[in-house]
N, C-alpha and C. Protein backbone atom coordinates (compact mmCIF):
# COMPACT_ATOMS: atom_id res chain seq x y z
N UNK A 1 107.04 -16.73 151.80
CA UNK A 1 107.38 -15.59 150.91
C UNK A 1 108.65 -15.01 151.18
N UNK A 2 109.39 -14.78 150.23
CA UNK A 2 110.85 -14.28 150.44
C UNK A 2 110.67 -12.81 150.90
N UNK A 3 111.62 -12.38 151.93
CA UNK A 3 111.55 -11.02 152.30
C UNK A 3 112.20 -10.07 151.26
N UNK A 4 111.70 -8.88 151.27
CA UNK A 4 112.25 -7.91 150.33
C UNK A 4 113.67 -7.55 150.84
N UNK A 5 114.55 -7.38 149.88
CA UNK A 5 115.90 -7.00 150.42
C UNK A 5 115.89 -5.47 150.68
N UNK A 6 116.28 -5.06 151.86
CA UNK A 6 116.34 -3.66 152.27
C UNK A 6 117.72 -3.06 152.27
N UNK A 7 117.81 -1.91 152.12
CA UNK A 7 119.08 -1.18 152.30
C UNK A 7 119.53 -1.20 153.71
N UNK A 8 120.73 -0.87 154.09
CA UNK A 8 121.18 -0.68 155.35
C UNK A 8 120.32 0.22 156.23
N UNK A 9 120.06 1.43 155.62
CA UNK A 9 119.24 2.46 156.42
C UNK A 9 117.80 2.01 156.53
N UNK A 10 117.24 1.33 155.58
CA UNK A 10 115.95 0.90 155.69
C UNK A 10 115.83 -0.27 156.67
N UNK A 11 116.87 -1.12 156.67
CA UNK A 11 116.65 -2.22 157.70
C UNK A 11 116.94 -1.67 159.13
N UNK A 12 117.82 -0.72 159.33
CA UNK A 12 117.87 -0.12 160.64
C UNK A 12 116.71 0.52 161.04
N UNK A 13 116.04 1.26 160.23
CA UNK A 13 114.69 1.95 160.55
C UNK A 13 113.68 0.84 161.01
N UNK A 14 113.53 -0.24 160.16
CA UNK A 14 112.56 -1.27 160.53
C UNK A 14 112.93 -1.84 161.79
N UNK A 15 114.22 -2.09 162.10
CA UNK A 15 114.62 -2.50 163.47
C UNK A 15 114.15 -1.67 164.60
N UNK A 16 114.50 -0.36 164.35
CA UNK A 16 114.26 0.59 165.38
C UNK A 16 112.81 0.80 165.67
N UNK A 17 111.91 0.78 164.56
CA UNK A 17 110.57 0.84 164.95
C UNK A 17 109.96 -0.36 165.58
N UNK A 18 110.58 -1.68 165.28
CA UNK A 18 110.10 -2.79 165.97
C UNK A 18 110.47 -2.69 167.38
N UNK A 19 111.64 -2.16 167.68
CA UNK A 19 112.21 -2.01 168.93
C UNK A 19 111.21 -1.04 169.84
N UNK A 20 110.91 0.03 169.22
CA UNK A 20 109.96 0.90 169.82
C UNK A 20 108.74 0.25 170.31
N UNK A 21 108.22 -0.52 169.29
CA UNK A 21 106.92 -1.26 169.67
C UNK A 21 107.13 -2.20 170.76
N UNK A 22 108.23 -2.87 170.83
CA UNK A 22 108.43 -3.90 171.91
C UNK A 22 108.65 -3.27 173.14
N UNK A 23 109.40 -2.13 173.20
CA UNK A 23 109.72 -1.42 174.48
C UNK A 23 108.27 -0.95 174.97
N UNK A 24 107.39 -0.40 174.21
CA UNK A 24 106.07 0.15 174.60
C UNK A 24 105.38 -1.12 175.18
N UNK A 25 105.45 -2.28 174.56
CA UNK A 25 104.57 -3.46 174.97
C UNK A 25 105.24 -4.04 176.25
N UNK A 26 106.46 -4.31 176.25
CA UNK A 26 107.11 -5.06 177.29
C UNK A 26 107.86 -4.11 178.41
N UNK A 27 108.40 -2.98 178.10
CA UNK A 27 109.10 -2.27 178.92
C UNK A 27 110.69 -2.46 178.67
N UNK A 28 111.41 -1.42 178.99
CA UNK A 28 112.82 -1.45 178.65
C UNK A 28 113.53 -2.74 179.27
N UNK A 29 113.20 -2.99 180.61
CA UNK A 29 113.96 -4.13 181.43
C UNK A 29 113.63 -5.29 180.77
N UNK A 30 112.46 -5.53 180.42
CA UNK A 30 111.99 -6.93 179.95
C UNK A 30 112.28 -7.19 178.42
N UNK A 31 112.32 -6.13 177.71
CA UNK A 31 112.43 -6.44 176.17
C UNK A 31 113.83 -7.13 175.90
N UNK A 32 113.72 -7.99 174.92
CA UNK A 32 115.11 -8.70 174.60
C UNK A 32 115.36 -8.55 173.09
N UNK A 33 116.58 -8.80 172.67
CA UNK A 33 116.86 -8.76 171.24
C UNK A 33 116.04 -9.74 170.56
N UNK A 34 115.62 -10.91 171.09
CA UNK A 34 114.98 -11.84 170.47
C UNK A 34 113.56 -11.48 170.28
N UNK A 35 112.94 -10.53 171.15
CA UNK A 35 111.65 -9.98 170.84
C UNK A 35 111.58 -9.16 169.64
N UNK A 36 112.55 -8.46 169.42
CA UNK A 36 112.65 -7.60 168.13
C UNK A 36 112.84 -8.38 166.99
N UNK A 37 113.70 -9.38 167.12
CA UNK A 37 113.92 -10.23 165.90
C UNK A 37 112.68 -11.04 165.59
N UNK A 38 111.97 -11.58 166.61
CA UNK A 38 110.81 -12.33 166.32
C UNK A 38 109.63 -11.52 165.70
N UNK A 39 109.56 -10.19 166.13
CA UNK A 39 108.42 -9.48 165.61
C UNK A 39 108.59 -9.14 164.19
N UNK A 40 109.87 -9.24 163.56
CA UNK A 40 110.15 -9.10 162.24
C UNK A 40 110.46 -10.19 161.35
N UNK A 41 110.48 -11.46 162.10
CA UNK A 41 110.73 -12.74 161.54
C UNK A 41 112.28 -12.82 161.00
N UNK A 42 113.25 -12.03 161.72
CA UNK A 42 114.48 -12.13 161.41
C UNK A 42 115.42 -12.84 162.46
N UNK A 43 116.63 -13.02 162.26
CA UNK A 43 117.52 -13.75 163.26
C UNK A 43 117.92 -12.76 164.30
N UNK A 44 118.31 -13.25 165.46
CA UNK A 44 118.94 -12.32 166.44
C UNK A 44 120.27 -11.76 165.96
N UNK A 45 120.97 -12.66 165.13
CA UNK A 45 122.26 -12.12 164.54
C UNK A 45 122.09 -10.98 163.75
N UNK A 46 121.02 -10.80 162.87
CA UNK A 46 120.87 -9.68 162.18
C UNK A 46 120.61 -8.48 162.95
N UNK A 47 119.85 -8.48 164.10
CA UNK A 47 119.68 -7.39 164.87
C UNK A 47 121.07 -6.85 165.57
N UNK A 48 121.83 -7.88 166.08
CA UNK A 48 123.11 -7.73 166.64
C UNK A 48 124.14 -7.19 165.64
N UNK A 49 123.89 -7.45 164.29
CA UNK A 49 124.85 -6.90 163.37
C UNK A 49 124.77 -5.44 163.32
N UNK A 50 123.38 -4.91 163.31
CA UNK A 50 123.28 -3.45 163.32
C UNK A 50 123.40 -2.83 164.64
N UNK A 51 123.12 -3.56 165.65
CA UNK A 51 123.18 -2.88 167.09
C UNK A 51 123.85 -3.98 167.92
N UNK A 52 125.06 -3.80 168.29
CA UNK A 52 125.83 -4.85 168.91
C UNK A 52 125.35 -5.29 170.27
N UNK A 53 124.61 -4.43 170.99
CA UNK A 53 124.11 -4.76 172.40
C UNK A 53 122.62 -4.38 172.52
N UNK A 54 121.97 -4.84 173.36
CA UNK A 54 120.59 -4.46 173.66
C UNK A 54 120.69 -2.97 174.09
N UNK A 55 121.56 -2.57 174.86
CA UNK A 55 121.66 -1.11 175.35
C UNK A 55 121.78 -0.22 174.30
N UNK A 56 122.53 -0.47 173.25
CA UNK A 56 122.81 0.29 171.89
C UNK A 56 121.46 0.47 171.20
N UNK A 57 120.66 -0.82 171.17
CA UNK A 57 119.54 -0.75 170.38
C UNK A 57 118.49 0.14 171.08
N UNK A 58 118.36 -0.10 172.31
CA UNK A 58 117.42 0.73 173.14
C UNK A 58 117.72 2.24 173.01
N UNK A 59 118.94 2.64 173.07
CA UNK A 59 119.30 4.02 173.06
C UNK A 59 119.07 4.56 171.59
N UNK A 60 119.31 3.72 170.56
CA UNK A 60 119.00 4.18 169.11
C UNK A 60 117.54 4.20 168.98
N UNK A 61 116.82 3.35 169.68
CA UNK A 61 115.35 3.35 169.38
C UNK A 61 114.80 4.76 170.01
N UNK A 62 115.21 4.98 171.19
CA UNK A 62 114.69 6.27 171.77
C UNK A 62 115.19 7.54 171.01
N UNK A 63 116.29 7.45 170.52
CA UNK A 63 116.74 8.64 169.67
C UNK A 63 115.92 8.73 168.47
N UNK A 64 115.57 7.57 167.85
CA UNK A 64 114.83 7.62 166.63
C UNK A 64 113.38 8.24 167.02
N UNK A 65 112.79 7.66 168.09
CA UNK A 65 111.53 8.25 168.45
C UNK A 65 111.58 9.67 168.70
N UNK A 66 112.63 10.16 169.41
CA UNK A 66 112.77 11.60 169.72
C UNK A 66 112.85 12.47 168.47
N UNK A 67 113.63 11.97 167.48
CA UNK A 67 113.77 12.79 166.28
C UNK A 67 112.43 12.85 165.52
N UNK A 68 111.58 11.76 165.51
CA UNK A 68 110.36 11.83 164.91
C UNK A 68 109.45 12.84 165.68
N UNK A 69 109.51 12.83 166.99
CA UNK A 69 108.62 13.91 167.63
C UNK A 69 109.03 15.24 167.32
N UNK A 70 110.53 15.41 167.22
CA UNK A 70 111.10 16.83 167.15
C UNK A 70 110.72 17.26 165.70
N UNK A 71 110.60 16.48 164.74
CA UNK A 71 110.40 16.72 163.33
C UNK A 71 109.02 17.24 163.24
N UNK A 72 108.04 16.61 164.00
CA UNK A 72 106.67 16.99 163.98
C UNK A 72 106.49 18.32 164.61
N UNK A 73 107.14 18.53 165.71
CA UNK A 73 107.12 19.77 166.54
C UNK A 73 107.60 20.94 165.54
N UNK A 74 108.77 20.76 164.82
CA UNK A 74 109.35 21.79 163.92
C UNK A 74 108.28 22.01 162.81
N UNK A 75 107.55 21.03 162.42
CA UNK A 75 106.43 21.27 161.43
C UNK A 75 105.37 22.11 161.98
N UNK A 76 104.97 21.99 163.24
CA UNK A 76 103.79 22.63 163.81
C UNK A 76 104.31 24.22 164.03
N UNK A 77 105.52 24.27 164.49
CA UNK A 77 106.05 25.64 164.96
C UNK A 77 106.51 26.39 163.55
N UNK A 78 106.62 25.81 162.49
CA UNK A 78 106.91 26.44 161.20
C UNK A 78 105.88 26.91 160.40
N UNK A 79 104.71 26.72 160.86
CA UNK A 79 103.49 27.09 160.04
C UNK A 79 103.46 28.63 160.05
N UNK A 80 102.96 29.11 158.84
CA UNK A 80 102.86 30.46 158.61
C UNK A 80 101.47 31.04 159.14
N UNK A 81 101.52 31.25 160.47
CA UNK A 81 100.45 31.82 161.19
C UNK A 81 100.99 32.51 162.49
N UNK A 82 100.21 32.97 163.46
CA UNK A 82 100.54 33.62 164.61
C UNK A 82 101.39 32.81 165.56
N UNK A 83 102.17 33.28 166.32
CA UNK A 83 102.88 32.50 167.37
C UNK A 83 101.98 31.79 168.29
N UNK A 84 100.85 32.51 168.65
CA UNK A 84 99.81 31.89 169.58
C UNK A 84 99.32 30.72 168.94
N UNK A 85 98.77 30.76 167.74
CA UNK A 85 98.34 29.55 167.12
C UNK A 85 99.41 28.32 167.02
N UNK A 86 100.66 28.74 166.70
CA UNK A 86 101.65 27.69 166.55
C UNK A 86 101.82 27.04 167.93
N UNK A 87 101.99 27.92 168.97
CA UNK A 87 102.19 27.41 170.31
C UNK A 87 101.01 26.51 170.78
N UNK A 88 99.78 27.03 170.53
CA UNK A 88 98.62 26.32 170.93
C UNK A 88 98.58 24.93 170.21
N UNK A 89 98.89 24.89 168.86
CA UNK A 89 99.00 23.60 168.13
C UNK A 89 99.98 22.60 168.82
N UNK A 90 101.14 23.24 169.11
CA UNK A 90 102.21 22.36 169.64
C UNK A 90 101.89 21.81 170.94
N UNK A 91 101.41 22.66 171.84
CA UNK A 91 101.04 22.26 173.25
C UNK A 91 99.86 21.13 173.12
N UNK A 92 98.95 21.41 172.27
CA UNK A 92 97.74 20.47 172.13
C UNK A 92 98.20 19.16 171.51
N UNK A 93 99.12 19.20 170.69
CA UNK A 93 99.65 17.91 170.07
C UNK A 93 100.48 17.18 171.13
N UNK A 94 101.41 17.90 171.90
CA UNK A 94 102.27 17.16 172.91
C UNK A 94 101.52 16.74 173.98
N UNK A 95 100.29 17.46 174.48
CA UNK A 95 99.66 17.11 175.63
C UNK A 95 99.11 15.69 175.61
N UNK A 96 99.08 15.07 176.66
CA UNK A 96 98.56 13.54 176.61
C UNK A 96 97.06 13.50 176.32
N UNK A 97 96.46 14.70 176.07
CA UNK A 97 94.96 14.59 175.56
C UNK A 97 94.95 14.78 174.11
N UNK A 98 96.20 14.89 173.33
CA UNK A 98 96.22 15.20 172.08
C UNK A 98 96.57 14.01 171.23
N UNK A 99 97.17 14.28 169.95
CA UNK A 99 97.28 13.16 169.03
C UNK A 99 98.90 12.59 169.11
N UNK A 100 99.73 13.15 170.04
CA UNK A 100 100.97 12.58 170.12
C UNK A 100 100.96 11.26 170.69
N UNK A 101 101.71 10.29 170.09
CA UNK A 101 101.73 8.91 170.54
C UNK A 101 103.03 8.67 171.34
N UNK A 102 103.13 7.57 172.08
CA UNK A 102 104.37 7.12 172.58
C UNK A 102 104.55 7.64 174.20
N UNK A 103 103.50 8.11 174.82
CA UNK A 103 103.66 8.46 176.18
C UNK A 103 104.21 7.34 177.07
N UNK A 104 103.71 6.08 176.71
CA UNK A 104 104.27 4.90 177.45
C UNK A 104 105.66 4.66 177.18
N UNK A 105 106.11 4.91 175.96
CA UNK A 105 107.47 4.81 175.69
C UNK A 105 108.37 5.81 176.47
N UNK A 106 107.87 7.13 176.51
CA UNK A 106 108.74 8.09 177.28
C UNK A 106 108.73 7.88 178.89
N UNK A 107 107.62 7.39 179.27
CA UNK A 107 107.60 7.10 180.75
C UNK A 107 108.67 5.91 181.04
N UNK A 108 108.64 4.95 180.14
CA UNK A 108 109.60 3.91 180.24
C UNK A 108 111.00 4.59 180.15
N UNK A 109 111.19 5.32 179.24
CA UNK A 109 112.49 5.94 179.10
C UNK A 109 113.06 6.71 180.18
N UNK A 110 112.14 7.62 180.84
CA UNK A 110 112.42 8.24 182.04
C UNK A 110 112.95 7.36 183.13
N UNK A 111 112.31 6.28 183.38
CA UNK A 111 112.49 5.39 184.39
C UNK A 111 113.88 4.78 184.30
N UNK A 112 114.04 4.10 183.02
CA UNK A 112 115.26 3.53 182.63
C UNK A 112 116.45 4.51 182.66
N UNK A 113 116.27 5.67 182.32
CA UNK A 113 117.33 6.71 182.38
C UNK A 113 118.03 6.78 183.66
N UNK A 114 117.39 6.60 184.67
CA UNK A 114 117.90 6.67 186.14
C UNK A 114 119.05 5.69 186.23
N UNK A 115 119.07 4.59 185.45
CA UNK A 115 120.16 3.70 185.65
C UNK A 115 121.01 3.53 184.37
N UNK A 116 120.60 4.18 183.31
CA UNK A 116 121.33 4.13 182.04
C UNK A 116 121.75 5.32 181.44
N UNK A 117 123.17 5.65 181.70
CA UNK A 117 123.67 6.98 181.29
C UNK A 117 123.48 7.32 179.79
N UNK A 118 123.49 6.46 178.95
CA UNK A 118 123.39 6.77 177.47
C UNK A 118 121.88 7.18 177.29
N UNK A 119 121.07 6.45 177.83
CA UNK A 119 119.66 6.78 177.68
C UNK A 119 119.32 8.15 178.31
N UNK A 120 119.87 8.35 179.55
CA UNK A 120 119.59 9.57 180.11
C UNK A 120 120.09 10.75 179.35
N UNK A 121 121.17 10.55 178.56
CA UNK A 121 121.55 11.70 177.63
C UNK A 121 120.51 11.96 176.48
N UNK A 122 119.97 10.76 175.99
CA UNK A 122 119.09 10.93 174.91
C UNK A 122 117.75 11.68 175.46
N UNK A 123 117.27 11.24 176.74
CA UNK A 123 115.98 11.92 177.06
C UNK A 123 116.32 13.38 177.56
N UNK A 124 117.49 13.70 178.02
CA UNK A 124 117.84 15.00 178.53
C UNK A 124 117.95 15.87 177.24
N UNK A 125 118.50 15.43 176.15
CA UNK A 125 118.70 16.13 174.95
C UNK A 125 117.34 16.38 174.39
N UNK A 126 116.29 15.46 174.29
CA UNK A 126 114.99 15.68 173.93
C UNK A 126 114.25 16.77 174.62
N UNK A 127 114.47 16.64 175.96
CA UNK A 127 113.77 17.57 176.82
C UNK A 127 114.29 19.03 176.64
N UNK A 128 115.54 19.14 176.50
CA UNK A 128 116.26 20.52 176.15
C UNK A 128 115.69 21.11 174.96
N UNK A 129 115.79 20.32 173.86
CA UNK A 129 115.19 20.69 172.64
C UNK A 129 113.80 21.17 172.51
N UNK A 130 113.03 20.36 173.20
CA UNK A 130 111.45 20.65 173.34
C UNK A 130 111.40 22.07 173.99
N UNK A 131 112.03 22.19 175.03
CA UNK A 131 111.85 23.58 175.84
C UNK A 131 112.38 24.69 174.99
N UNK A 132 113.50 24.43 174.27
CA UNK A 132 114.16 25.58 173.57
C UNK A 132 113.19 26.01 172.38
N UNK A 133 112.47 25.02 171.80
CA UNK A 133 111.64 25.33 170.62
C UNK A 133 110.43 26.09 171.20
N UNK A 134 109.77 25.69 172.31
CA UNK A 134 108.75 26.33 172.72
C UNK A 134 109.17 27.76 173.27
N UNK A 135 110.26 27.80 173.90
CA UNK A 135 110.70 29.22 174.25
C UNK A 135 110.85 30.14 173.16
N UNK A 136 111.36 29.58 171.96
CA UNK A 136 111.63 30.43 170.83
C UNK A 136 110.30 30.93 170.37
N UNK A 137 109.25 30.11 170.17
CA UNK A 137 107.91 30.63 169.66
C UNK A 137 107.33 31.62 170.59
N UNK A 138 107.46 31.29 171.93
CA UNK A 138 106.97 32.29 172.93
C UNK A 138 107.64 33.63 172.78
N UNK A 139 108.92 33.69 172.63
CA UNK A 139 109.63 34.92 172.54
C UNK A 139 109.12 35.63 171.23
N UNK A 140 108.92 34.86 170.07
CA UNK A 140 108.39 35.46 168.96
C UNK A 140 106.97 36.16 169.10
N UNK A 141 106.10 35.50 169.83
CA UNK A 141 104.87 36.05 170.19
C UNK A 141 104.97 37.34 171.07
N UNK A 142 105.89 37.41 171.98
CA UNK A 142 106.26 38.55 172.89
C UNK A 142 106.75 39.74 171.87
N UNK A 143 107.57 39.40 171.04
CA UNK A 143 108.13 40.44 170.15
C UNK A 143 107.13 41.08 169.27
N UNK A 144 106.12 40.21 168.81
CA UNK A 144 105.00 40.57 167.93
C UNK A 144 104.00 41.29 168.62
N UNK A 145 104.00 41.32 169.98
CA UNK A 145 102.99 42.00 170.77
C UNK A 145 101.71 41.18 170.82
N UNK A 146 101.88 39.86 170.67
CA UNK A 146 100.59 38.99 170.76
C UNK A 146 100.22 38.66 172.26
N UNK A 147 101.26 38.67 173.12
CA UNK A 147 101.00 38.22 174.56
C UNK A 147 102.22 38.74 175.35
N UNK A 148 102.14 38.73 176.68
CA UNK A 148 103.18 39.05 177.56
C UNK A 148 103.80 37.84 178.27
N UNK A 149 105.11 37.79 178.29
CA UNK A 149 105.73 36.72 178.99
C UNK A 149 107.23 37.09 179.26
N UNK A 150 107.59 37.59 180.52
CA UNK A 150 108.92 38.05 180.86
C UNK A 150 110.06 36.93 180.89
N UNK A 151 109.63 35.67 180.82
CA UNK A 151 110.58 34.57 180.83
C UNK A 151 110.19 33.47 180.00
N UNK A 152 110.31 33.50 178.77
CA UNK A 152 109.93 32.39 177.86
C UNK A 152 110.45 31.10 178.20
N UNK A 153 111.77 30.99 178.54
CA UNK A 153 112.37 29.68 178.95
C UNK A 153 111.63 29.18 180.15
N UNK A 154 111.47 29.91 181.19
CA UNK A 154 110.79 29.55 182.42
C UNK A 154 109.43 28.98 182.09
N UNK A 155 108.72 29.80 181.30
CA UNK A 155 107.38 29.33 180.89
C UNK A 155 107.34 27.96 180.14
N UNK A 156 108.27 27.67 179.27
CA UNK A 156 108.52 26.51 178.56
C UNK A 156 108.75 25.40 179.57
N UNK A 157 109.58 25.66 180.54
CA UNK A 157 109.78 24.74 181.57
C UNK A 157 108.77 24.21 182.35
N UNK A 158 107.86 25.20 182.71
CA UNK A 158 106.71 25.04 183.55
C UNK A 158 105.67 24.29 182.81
N UNK A 159 105.38 24.67 181.45
CA UNK A 159 104.28 24.09 180.79
C UNK A 159 104.70 22.57 180.41
N UNK A 160 105.96 22.29 180.12
CA UNK A 160 106.38 20.88 179.72
C UNK A 160 106.35 20.10 181.10
N UNK A 161 106.65 20.68 182.19
CA UNK A 161 106.55 19.97 183.41
C UNK A 161 105.03 19.50 183.68
N UNK A 162 104.13 20.50 183.53
CA UNK A 162 102.69 20.10 183.67
C UNK A 162 102.35 19.16 182.65
N UNK A 163 102.62 19.18 181.39
CA UNK A 163 102.28 18.21 180.48
C UNK A 163 102.95 16.79 180.72
N UNK A 164 104.10 16.76 181.11
CA UNK A 164 104.80 15.59 181.53
C UNK A 164 104.06 14.90 182.66
N UNK A 165 103.74 15.72 183.75
CA UNK A 165 103.07 15.12 184.83
C UNK A 165 101.73 14.62 184.47
N UNK A 166 100.91 15.41 183.80
CA UNK A 166 99.64 14.86 183.37
C UNK A 166 99.66 13.60 182.54
N UNK A 167 100.69 13.48 181.74
CA UNK A 167 100.91 12.29 181.00
C UNK A 167 101.10 11.02 181.87
N UNK A 168 101.92 11.28 182.95
CA UNK A 168 102.11 10.20 183.80
C UNK A 168 100.76 9.68 184.51
N UNK A 169 99.91 10.79 184.84
CA UNK A 169 98.57 10.49 185.53
C UNK A 169 97.67 9.76 184.59
N UNK A 170 97.57 10.32 183.28
CA UNK A 170 96.57 9.72 182.44
C UNK A 170 97.02 8.30 181.87
N UNK A 171 98.44 8.07 181.83
CA UNK A 171 98.94 6.81 181.29
C UNK A 171 98.97 5.82 182.33
N UNK A 172 99.55 6.10 183.52
CA UNK A 172 99.77 5.14 184.59
C UNK A 172 98.51 4.97 185.55
N UNK A 173 97.70 5.97 185.62
CA UNK A 173 96.59 5.91 186.54
C UNK A 173 95.27 6.15 185.80
N UNK A 174 94.82 5.40 184.93
CA UNK A 174 93.52 5.73 184.27
C UNK A 174 92.40 5.95 185.21
N UNK A 175 91.71 7.10 184.96
CA UNK A 175 90.70 7.45 185.84
C UNK A 175 91.01 8.51 186.92
N UNK A 176 92.28 8.80 187.06
CA UNK A 176 92.72 9.64 188.23
C UNK A 176 92.25 11.12 187.85
N UNK A 177 92.25 11.38 186.58
CA UNK A 177 91.90 12.67 186.04
C UNK A 177 91.37 12.53 184.71
N UNK A 178 90.24 13.21 184.49
CA UNK A 178 89.56 13.09 183.11
C UNK A 178 90.45 13.75 182.09
N UNK A 179 90.39 13.35 180.87
CA UNK A 179 91.05 13.94 179.70
C UNK A 179 90.54 15.39 179.59
N UNK A 180 89.31 15.65 179.75
CA UNK A 180 88.66 17.03 179.60
C UNK A 180 89.21 17.91 180.67
N UNK A 181 89.27 17.32 181.99
CA UNK A 181 89.77 18.32 183.00
C UNK A 181 91.30 18.49 182.79
N UNK A 182 91.95 17.56 182.29
CA UNK A 182 93.42 17.84 182.13
C UNK A 182 93.67 18.79 180.99
N UNK A 183 92.73 18.83 179.94
CA UNK A 183 92.92 19.78 178.85
C UNK A 183 92.49 21.38 179.36
N UNK A 184 91.62 21.24 180.27
CA UNK A 184 91.27 22.65 180.87
C UNK A 184 92.48 23.18 181.71
N UNK A 185 93.09 22.31 182.43
CA UNK A 185 94.34 22.80 183.09
C UNK A 185 95.41 23.25 182.22
N UNK A 186 95.60 22.53 181.15
CA UNK A 186 96.59 22.85 180.19
C UNK A 186 96.34 24.28 179.62
N UNK A 187 95.11 24.52 179.16
CA UNK A 187 94.61 25.73 178.50
C UNK A 187 94.85 26.88 179.62
N UNK A 188 94.31 26.56 180.81
CA UNK A 188 94.49 27.63 181.78
C UNK A 188 95.93 28.00 182.09
N UNK A 189 96.79 27.03 182.19
CA UNK A 189 98.13 27.24 182.43
C UNK A 189 98.82 28.10 181.31
N UNK A 190 98.52 27.73 180.04
CA UNK A 190 99.08 28.47 178.88
C UNK A 190 98.55 29.91 178.94
N UNK A 191 97.22 30.18 179.12
CA UNK A 191 96.62 31.48 179.27
C UNK A 191 97.35 32.24 180.31
N UNK A 192 97.42 31.73 181.62
CA UNK A 192 98.08 32.41 182.60
C UNK A 192 99.48 32.82 182.47
N UNK A 193 100.34 31.94 181.85
CA UNK A 193 101.66 32.20 181.52
C UNK A 193 101.89 33.30 180.50
N UNK A 194 100.86 33.39 179.63
CA UNK A 194 100.97 34.42 178.58
C UNK A 194 100.18 35.77 178.77
N UNK A 195 99.46 35.78 179.96
CA UNK A 195 98.77 36.99 180.25
C UNK A 195 97.49 37.11 179.49
N UNK A 196 96.92 35.89 179.04
CA UNK A 196 95.69 36.01 178.25
C UNK A 196 94.44 35.46 179.02
N UNK A 197 93.40 35.70 178.38
CA UNK A 197 92.06 35.01 178.87
C UNK A 197 92.09 33.67 178.26
N UNK A 198 91.48 32.64 178.94
CA UNK A 198 91.45 31.23 178.51
C UNK A 198 90.72 31.14 177.23
N UNK A 199 89.73 31.99 176.94
CA UNK A 199 89.07 31.94 175.56
C UNK A 199 90.01 32.05 174.39
N UNK A 200 91.16 32.79 174.68
CA UNK A 200 92.01 32.94 173.56
C UNK A 200 92.68 31.64 173.21
N UNK A 201 92.69 30.70 174.01
CA UNK A 201 93.38 29.42 173.66
C UNK A 201 92.29 28.40 173.28
N UNK A 202 90.96 28.57 173.59
CA UNK A 202 89.99 27.69 173.10
C UNK A 202 89.23 28.14 171.87
N UNK A 203 89.34 29.43 171.46
CA UNK A 203 88.61 29.85 170.39
C UNK A 203 89.16 29.03 168.96
N UNK A 204 88.22 28.67 168.10
CA UNK A 204 88.46 27.92 166.94
C UNK A 204 89.40 28.73 165.88
N UNK A 205 90.40 28.05 165.33
CA UNK A 205 91.24 28.68 164.35
C UNK A 205 90.41 29.08 163.08
N UNK A 206 90.92 30.11 162.42
CA UNK A 206 90.15 30.46 161.31
C UNK A 206 91.09 30.29 160.08
């Protein structure tokens, strides 16, 4: 069956999504241009036409994944509801016990970033933007009198550090900690940082 002719933008997105899948499956070090091409039934030359090297393809794939995650974060934080509910939704989605996908991808990215300056910049930018978005909604909650937090940016850093660490435990060491226990720790940390009782984090939304 003949392949549908795609626009340049559509083809790039198709290649990037295939690259993300291959990185998750094989790891950054092992993935090859040929793996991405084979997954889509296209030639190596086509992949290289859009991304002249494996390093550029990998960096673009992580950037694409980051923008997808950030777009979803903006959607959650842009809801018309209280700052606490928006923050809770964002943290629970981002947490390794939530619906966010791609933790294996980001663990690969963190490891590869130690040796790849371009990838390090991508992961650092994602980290900075996540913390800034969480700090902003925390500051909004403080201004609205919903909770107390003298250092929103510090709180955002500590919460994301906890979430990232739990993601490594749950993804790399299955059974090291249960998902239920991890969620308890996340709720307790958020409540403690905001000067709230844990029940405020676990009460169902209306």
